[in-house]
Structure formats: structure tokens, C-alpha cells
């Protein structure tokens, strides 16, 4: 509860994702967290894809964990090639998601 009371600015002053376009030089990396949100929101979001492309093409670190790599799957680079073409990637299978959910006593979303 202390975190919620002392760090409200973290979510109350959050900027819209599109405001970061064109600003990759201000950051060392872009990182996508896990959870189901990236699979349904960021995987098809034009601003997210543009940011990944910008960071990648400037040689910045592009990273993701858990379900976060879904944000990378539809990114097309300036030359027309997809970011993940020829890349080895890992992620949870549908079966694994179900097993983790079951182990946690949560009804699976898949």
C-alpha cells in the first residue's frame, strides 16, 4: 500500500505512447513487460510498432519478457523486412500458459 500512496505520479503522469515517437535518442532501450496486455494491445498498435522500428534502426536495445515479445511480432523495418525475420525467438505455448494458470489457481485466458 505504501507504494500506491507514494508513487502515484508513476501512473497519474504517464504519457501517451505516441508522445515517445521520434525520441529514441533520449533513451537507451525500449522494454516490453509480460502479461496478456501486449498480446492483445501492443501486437497490433501502430505507435508501438513505430517505436520498436525507431529504436531498432538507431541501434538501441529492444527487449521483452514473458508475453511482451508479442509487441515485436508485427514490426516492419524501413526496408520492408519484418523485425523477427530469421530471428530465433521464444515464448510460452498455449499449453504452458494454461499450466501456469492452473498452478496458480487462475482460470486460463486461453
Protein backbone atom coordinates (compact mmCIF):
# COMPACT_ATOMS: atom_id res chain seq x y z
CA UNK A 1 0.00 0.00 0.00
CA UNK A 2 2.90 2.34 0.66
CA UNK A 3 3.94 2.06 -2.99
CA UNK A 4 0.45 3.06 -4.14
CA UNK A 5 0.43 6.03 -1.80
CA UNK A 6 3.95 7.30 -2.51
CA UNK A 7 4.36 6.57 -6.23
CA UNK A 8 1.07 7.81 -7.67
CA UNK A 9 2.92 10.07 -10.09
CA UNK A 10 4.10 6.96 -11.94
CA UNK A 11 0.62 6.34 -13.33
CA UNK A 12 -1.01 9.74 -12.93
CA UNK A 13 1.62 11.47 -15.06
CA UNK A 14 2.07 8.71 -17.64
CA UNK A 15 2.43 9.95 -21.19
CA UNK A 16 0.57 8.54 -24.15
CA UNK A 17 2.76 6.08 -26.07
CA UNK A 18 2.66 8.19 -29.23
CA UNK A 19 4.46 11.06 -27.44
CA UNK A 20 7.65 8.98 -27.42
CA UNK A 21 7.82 8.68 -31.21
CA UNK A 22 10.88 10.48 -32.56
CA UNK A 23 12.58 10.47 -29.14
CA UNK A 24 14.64 7.26 -29.21
CA UNK A 25 17.85 9.26 -28.77
CA UNK A 26 16.66 10.18 -25.26
CA UNK A 27 16.65 6.52 -24.15
CA UNK A 28 18.99 3.54 -24.06
CA UNK A 29 16.33 0.91 -24.69
CA UNK A 30 12.71 0.00 -25.12
CA UNK A 31 11.38 -2.84 -22.98
CA UNK A 32 8.02 -4.60 -23.13
CA UNK A 33 6.79 -6.30 -19.98
CA UNK A 34 4.83 -9.53 -19.98
CA UNK A 35 1.21 -10.24 -19.30
CA UNK A 36 -1.65 -10.72 -21.68
CA UNK A 37 -1.93 -7.00 -22.50
CA UNK A 38 0.93 -6.93 -25.03
CA UNK A 39 -0.61 -9.86 -26.90
CA UNK A 40 -3.89 -8.07 -27.45
CA UNK A 41 -2.90 -4.40 -27.46
CA UNK A 42 0.72 -3.84 -28.43
CA UNK A 43 0.99 -6.57 -31.07
CA UNK A 44 -1.24 -4.54 -33.39
CA UNK A 45 -0.59 -1.00 -32.16
CA UNK A 46 0.91 1.30 -34.82
CA UNK A 47 2.63 3.54 -32.25
CA UNK A 48 4.25 0.57 -30.54
CA UNK A 49 5.46 -0.81 -33.88
CA UNK A 50 6.85 2.59 -34.90
CA UNK A 51 8.73 2.91 -31.60
CA UNK A 52 10.26 -0.55 -31.93
CA UNK A 53 11.32 0.22 -35.51
CA UNK A 54 12.82 3.55 -34.42
CA UNK A 55 14.78 2.05 -31.52
CA UNK A 56 15.98 -0.92 -33.59
CA UNK A 57 17.10 1.19 -36.54
CA UNK A 58 19.04 3.50 -34.21
CA UNK A 59 20.89 0.51 -32.74
CA UNK A 60 19.11 0.77 -29.39
CA UNK A 61 18.28 -2.22 -27.21
CA UNK A 62 14.85 -3.71 -27.95
CA UNK A 63 13.82 -6.21 -25.27
CA UNK A 64 10.79 -8.06 -23.97
CA UNK A 65 9.92 -10.72 -21.41
CA UNK A 66 7.15 -13.28 -20.96
CA UNK A 67 4.31 -12.31 -23.33
CA UNK A 68 5.98 -8.98 -24.17
CA UNK A 69 7.60 -10.29 -27.38
CA UNK A 70 4.13 -10.16 -28.94
CA UNK A 71 4.80 -6.42 -29.30
CA UNK A 72 7.62 -7.27 -31.71
CA UNK A 73 5.83 -9.72 -33.98
CA UNK A 74 4.28 -7.25 -36.46
CA UNK A 75 7.11 -4.72 -36.69
CA UNK A 76 8.20 -3.96 -40.24
CA UNK A 77 11.55 -2.22 -40.73
CA UNK A 78 12.13 0.67 -43.15
CA UNK A 79 13.32 -1.73 -45.89
CA UNK A 80 10.10 -3.75 -45.68
CA UNK A 81 11.56 -6.73 -43.82
CA UNK A 82 9.89 -7.85 -40.59
CA UNK A 83 11.99 -7.35 -37.45
CA UNK A 84 11.79 -11.00 -36.49
CA UNK A 85 12.56 -12.47 -39.93
CA UNK A 86 15.26 -15.08 -39.45
CA UNK A 87 15.44 -14.48 -35.69
CA UNK A 88 15.18 -17.19 -33.05
CA UNK A 89 12.51 -16.24 -30.53
CA UNK A 90 10.94 -17.97 -27.56
CA UNK A 91 7.65 -17.64 -25.77
CA UNK A 92 5.00 -19.52 -23.85
CA UNK A 93 2.90 -22.02 -25.76
CA UNK A 94 -0.85 -22.13 -25.19
CA UNK A 95 -0.39 -25.32 -23.16
CA UNK A 96 2.24 -23.68 -20.94
CA UNK A 97 0.03 -20.66 -20.29
CA UNK A 98 -2.75 -23.00 -19.25
CA UNK A 99 -0.44 -24.96 -16.94
CA UNK A 100 0.85 -21.82 -15.22
CA UNK A 101 -2.68 -20.51 -14.77
CA UNK A 102 -3.84 -23.83 -13.36
CA UNK A 103 -0.88 -23.99 -10.96
CA UNK A 104 -1.78 -20.51 -9.70
CA UNK A 105 -5.45 -21.42 -9.35
CA UNK A 106 -6.42 -18.94 -12.06
CA UNK A 107 -8.82 -19.67 -14.86
CA UNK A 108 -6.77 -19.55 -18.06
CA UNK A 109 -7.46 -16.80 -20.58
CA UNK A 110 -6.65 -19.14 -23.47
